[in-house]
N, C-alpha and C. Protein backbone atom coordinates (compact mmCIF):
# COMPACT_ATOMS: atom_id res chain seq x y z
N MET A 1 164.46 -141.81 121.36
CA MET A 1 164.58 -143.04 122.10
C MET A 1 165.47 -144.01 121.34
N SER A 2 166.28 -144.72 122.07
CA SER A 2 167.19 -145.67 121.41
C SER A 2 166.44 -146.95 121.03
N THR A 3 167.07 -147.72 120.20
CA THR A 3 166.46 -148.98 119.74
C THR A 3 166.27 -149.93 120.91
N ALA A 4 167.23 -149.99 121.81
CA ALA A 4 167.13 -150.87 122.97
C ALA A 4 165.95 -150.48 123.86
N ALA A 5 165.72 -149.18 124.02
CA ALA A 5 164.61 -148.72 124.84
C ALA A 5 163.27 -149.07 124.20
N ILE A 6 163.18 -148.96 122.90
CA ILE A 6 161.94 -149.29 122.20
C ILE A 6 161.66 -150.79 122.30
N VAL A 7 162.70 -151.60 122.15
CA VAL A 7 162.53 -153.06 122.26
C VAL A 7 162.06 -153.42 123.67
N MET A 8 162.67 -152.84 124.68
CA MET A 8 162.25 -153.12 126.06
C MET A 8 160.83 -152.64 126.33
N LEU A 9 160.44 -151.50 125.75
CA LEU A 9 159.09 -151.00 125.89
C LEU A 9 158.09 -151.98 125.28
N ILE A 10 158.40 -152.48 124.10
CA ILE A 10 157.51 -153.43 123.43
C ILE A 10 157.39 -154.72 124.24
N ILE A 11 158.51 -155.20 124.78
CA ILE A 11 158.49 -156.42 125.60
C ILE A 11 157.63 -156.20 126.85
N ALA A 12 157.77 -155.05 127.48
CA ALA A 12 156.99 -154.76 128.68
C ALA A 12 155.50 -154.66 128.37
N ILE A 13 155.15 -154.01 127.28
CA ILE A 13 153.74 -153.88 126.90
C ILE A 13 153.15 -155.25 126.58
N LEU A 14 153.89 -156.07 125.84
CA LEU A 14 153.39 -157.40 125.50
C LEU A 14 153.25 -158.28 126.74
N THR A 15 154.14 -158.11 127.70
CA THR A 15 154.05 -158.89 128.93
C THR A 15 152.79 -158.53 129.71
N VAL A 16 152.53 -157.25 129.87
CA VAL A 16 151.36 -156.80 130.64
C VAL A 16 150.07 -157.18 129.93
N TRP A 17 149.92 -156.81 128.67
CA TRP A 17 148.69 -157.09 127.95
C TRP A 17 148.51 -158.57 127.67
N GLY A 18 149.62 -159.28 127.44
CA GLY A 18 149.54 -160.72 127.24
C GLY A 18 149.08 -161.43 128.50
N GLY A 19 149.58 -161.00 129.65
CA GLY A 19 149.14 -161.57 130.92
C GLY A 19 147.67 -161.32 131.17
N LEU A 20 147.21 -160.13 130.84
CA LEU A 20 145.79 -159.82 130.99
C LEU A 20 144.94 -160.69 130.07
N ALA A 21 145.37 -160.85 128.83
CA ALA A 21 144.62 -161.67 127.88
C ALA A 21 144.59 -163.13 128.34
N LEU A 22 145.72 -163.65 128.82
CA LEU A 22 145.73 -165.03 129.29
C LEU A 22 144.87 -165.22 130.53
N ALA A 23 144.83 -164.23 131.40
CA ALA A 23 143.97 -164.31 132.58
C ALA A 23 142.50 -164.34 132.18
N LEU A 24 142.12 -163.53 131.20
CA LEU A 24 140.73 -163.53 130.75
C LEU A 24 140.36 -164.84 130.06
N VAL A 25 141.27 -165.39 129.28
CA VAL A 25 141.02 -166.68 128.64
C VAL A 25 140.86 -167.76 129.70
N ASN A 26 141.71 -167.72 130.72
CA ASN A 26 141.64 -168.71 131.79
C ASN A 26 140.31 -168.60 132.55
N LEU A 27 139.86 -167.38 132.81
CA LEU A 27 138.58 -167.21 133.50
C LEU A 27 137.41 -167.67 132.64
N ASN A 28 137.49 -167.49 131.35
CA ASN A 28 136.42 -167.95 130.47
C ASN A 28 136.38 -169.48 130.41
N ARG A 29 137.53 -170.11 130.43
CA ARG A 29 137.58 -171.58 130.38
C ARG A 29 137.20 -172.21 131.70
N HIS A 30 137.60 -171.58 132.81
CA HIS A 30 137.37 -172.13 134.14
C HIS A 30 136.77 -171.05 135.04
N PRO A 31 135.48 -170.74 134.89
CA PRO A 31 134.90 -169.68 135.72
C PRO A 31 134.86 -170.10 137.19
N GLU A 32 134.91 -169.11 138.06
CA GLU A 32 134.88 -169.38 139.48
C GLU A 32 133.50 -169.89 139.87
N ASP A 33 133.48 -170.89 140.76
CA ASP A 33 132.23 -171.46 141.23
C ASP A 33 131.85 -170.77 142.53
N ASP A 34 130.76 -170.00 142.51
CA ASP A 34 130.34 -169.29 143.71
C ASP A 34 129.87 -170.25 144.79
N GLY A 35 129.40 -171.44 144.40
CA GLY A 35 128.95 -172.41 145.38
C GLY A 35 130.10 -173.00 146.19
N ALA A 36 131.32 -172.84 145.73
CA ALA A 36 132.47 -173.38 146.44
C ALA A 36 132.87 -172.52 147.62
N MET A 37 132.34 -171.32 147.70
CA MET A 37 132.69 -170.43 148.80
C MET A 37 131.99 -170.89 150.07
N PRO A 38 132.64 -170.75 151.22
CA PRO A 38 131.98 -171.15 152.47
C PRO A 38 130.80 -170.24 152.78
N ALA A 39 129.80 -170.82 153.42
CA ALA A 39 128.58 -170.08 153.73
C ALA A 39 128.86 -168.99 154.77
N GLU A 40 129.74 -169.30 155.72
CA GLU A 40 130.06 -168.35 156.78
C GLU A 40 131.50 -167.91 156.61
N HIS A 41 131.75 -166.65 156.96
CA HIS A 41 133.11 -166.13 156.91
C HIS A 41 133.85 -166.58 158.16
N ALA A 42 135.14 -166.60 158.06
CA ALA A 42 135.97 -166.93 159.22
C ALA A 42 135.77 -165.86 160.28
N PRO A 43 135.81 -166.23 161.55
CA PRO A 43 135.56 -165.24 162.62
C PRO A 43 136.54 -164.07 162.60
N GLU A 44 137.78 -164.30 162.17
CA GLU A 44 138.74 -163.19 162.18
C GLU A 44 138.48 -162.19 161.06
N LEU A 45 137.63 -162.54 160.11
CA LEU A 45 137.32 -161.60 159.04
C LEU A 45 136.13 -160.78 159.47
């Protein structure tokens, strides 16, 4: 594998895993409130 391919691979891996880590941190800081969901579903659902 060339150096450019390895660099792009590392950037792609960091992007995916970094996004996952940031999403988990965000959910821990601001958990979803189940009480905010409507009691009844929309008729089309």
